[in-house]
Amino acid sequence: MTKEYAVIFESPYYIDMGPKTLILGGKPIQDLFKSERNETTKIHVVKISDGTVQSFDSGLWSFVFHFGNAYMKDENTIVAEASHFTEPATDPFKVFWKRRL
């Protein structure tokens, strides 16, 4: 967030928390992650004072791990610093998952 705007990244990588999953359960969390490999990340900028939204398509698949800082460089430029992953064919959390044998 900046003083005037909230910046929201909509990634094509998400946790499937549909009703069937919630009711039946029993799956390890790593099995609930889904990736829409042919989709791109959308960025939504919300003006805090009146709630108006401007949306942009980044043109690339990405998943943001962590947001650092956001600020206005000038009247027409918002900078949002974030670490992200950009390989849609690879699970960004693969190194962390442990499977039961």
Protein backbone atom coordinates (compact mmCIF):
# COMPACT_ATOMS: atom_id res chain seq x y z
CA MET A 1 0.00 0.00 0.00
CA THR A 2 0.93 3.60 -0.47
CA LYS A 3 -0.77 6.51 1.28
CA GLU A 4 -3.26 6.76 -1.57
CA TYR A 5 -3.45 3.28 -3.15
CA ALA A 6 -3.72 -0.42 -2.37
CA VAL A 7 -1.99 -2.67 -4.93
CA ILE A 8 -3.38 -6.20 -5.27
CA PHE A 9 -1.70 -8.94 -7.31
CA GLU A 10 -4.02 -11.67 -8.65
CA SER A 11 -1.84 -14.66 -9.40
CA PRO A 12 -2.84 -17.66 -11.52
CA TYR A 13 -1.47 -19.86 -8.71
CA TYR A 14 -3.89 -20.56 -5.88
CA ILE A 15 -5.15 -23.00 -3.26
CA ASP A 16 -8.25 -24.93 -4.34
CA MET A 17 -10.59 -24.47 -1.39
CA GLY A 18 -13.84 -25.49 -3.12
CA PRO A 19 -16.77 -26.98 -1.15
CA LYS A 20 -15.82 -30.55 -2.06
CA THR A 21 -12.29 -30.03 -0.76
CA LEU A 22 -13.49 -28.40 2.45
CA ILE A 23 -16.14 -31.05 3.19
CA LEU A 24 -14.17 -34.17 2.25
CA GLY A 25 -10.74 -32.88 3.26
CA GLY A 26 -8.06 -35.43 3.95
CA LYS A 27 -5.53 -34.06 1.45
CA PRO A 28 -2.12 -32.61 2.26
CA ILE A 29 -2.01 -28.89 1.54
CA GLN A 30 0.53 -29.30 -1.25
CA ASP A 31 -2.09 -31.27 -3.20
CA LEU A 32 -4.50 -28.31 -3.05
CA PHE A 33 -2.24 -25.86 -4.92
CA LYS A 34 -3.32 -25.26 -8.52
CA SER A 35 -1.63 -23.38 -11.33
CA GLU A 36 -3.28 -21.97 -14.44
CA ARG A 37 -0.11 -22.13 -16.55
CA ASN A 38 -1.58 -20.30 -19.53
CA GLU A 39 -2.92 -17.40 -17.47
CA THR A 40 -1.16 -14.20 -16.46
CA THR A 41 -0.96 -12.18 -13.27
CA LYS A 42 -3.39 -9.29 -12.98
CA ILE A 43 -2.58 -6.19 -10.94
CA HIS A 44 -5.40 -4.19 -9.39
CA VAL A 45 -4.79 -0.68 -8.06
CA VAL A 46 -7.46 0.61 -5.67
CA LYS A 47 -7.67 4.32 -4.86
CA ILE A 48 -8.30 4.29 -1.11
CA SER A 49 -10.20 7.61 -0.99
CA ASP A 50 -13.02 6.55 -3.34
CA GLY A 51 -12.58 2.81 -4.03
CA THR A 52 -12.04 3.17 -7.78
CA VAL A 53 -10.08 0.32 -9.31
CA GLN A 54 -7.72 0.22 -12.27
CA SER A 55 -6.69 -3.24 -13.45
CA PHE A 56 -3.68 -4.22 -15.54
CA ASP A 57 -2.53 -7.49 -17.07
CA SER A 58 1.16 -8.09 -16.38
CA GLY A 59 1.48 -10.22 -19.51
CA LEU A 60 3.31 -12.97 -17.64
CA TRP A 61 2.64 -15.81 -15.25
CA SER A 62 4.04 -15.05 -11.81
CA PHE A 63 3.52 -15.81 -8.15
CA VAL A 64 4.50 -13.22 -5.54
CA PHE A 65 6.13 -14.72 -2.45
CA HIS A 66 6.50 -11.59 -0.38
CA PHE A 67 5.82 -7.88 -0.72
CA GLY A 68 8.46 -5.45 0.42
CA ASN A 69 7.57 -1.83 -0.12
CA ALA A 70 5.23 0.27 -2.24
CA TYR A 71 5.56 3.95 -2.98
CA MET A 72 4.67 6.57 -5.55
CA LYS A 73 7.63 7.49 -7.74
CA ASP A 74 5.64 10.35 -9.26
CA GLU A 75 2.00 11.26 -9.79
CA ASN A 76 1.52 8.53 -12.42
CA THR A 77 3.88 5.79 -11.20
CA ILE A 78 3.47 3.35 -8.32
CA VAL A 79 6.41 1.09 -7.49
CA ALA A 80 5.62 -2.18 -5.68
CA GLU A 81 8.67 -4.18 -4.62
CA ALA A 82 8.11 -7.92 -4.31
CA SER A 83 9.95 -11.21 -4.65
CA HIS A 84 8.28 -13.43 -7.22
CA PHE A 85 8.54 -16.69 -9.14
CA THR A 86 8.01 -16.78 -12.93
CA GLU A 87 8.25 -20.43 -14.04
CA PRO A 88 4.70 -21.74 -14.57
CA ALA A 89 5.80 -25.31 -15.29
CA THR A 90 7.56 -25.66 -11.92
CA ASP A 91 6.00 -25.68 -8.46
CA PRO A 92 7.49 -22.69 -6.58
CA PHE A 93 7.17 -24.59 -3.28
CA LYS A 94 8.61 -27.90 -4.53
CA VAL A 95 11.70 -27.59 -2.36
CA PHE A 96 9.52 -27.43 0.79
CA TRP A 97 7.08 -30.29 0.17
CA LYS A 98 7.70 -33.60 1.88
CA ARG A 99 5.72 -36.62 0.78
CA ARG A 100 4.79 -39.44 3.08
CA LEU A 101 6.16 -42.78 1.92
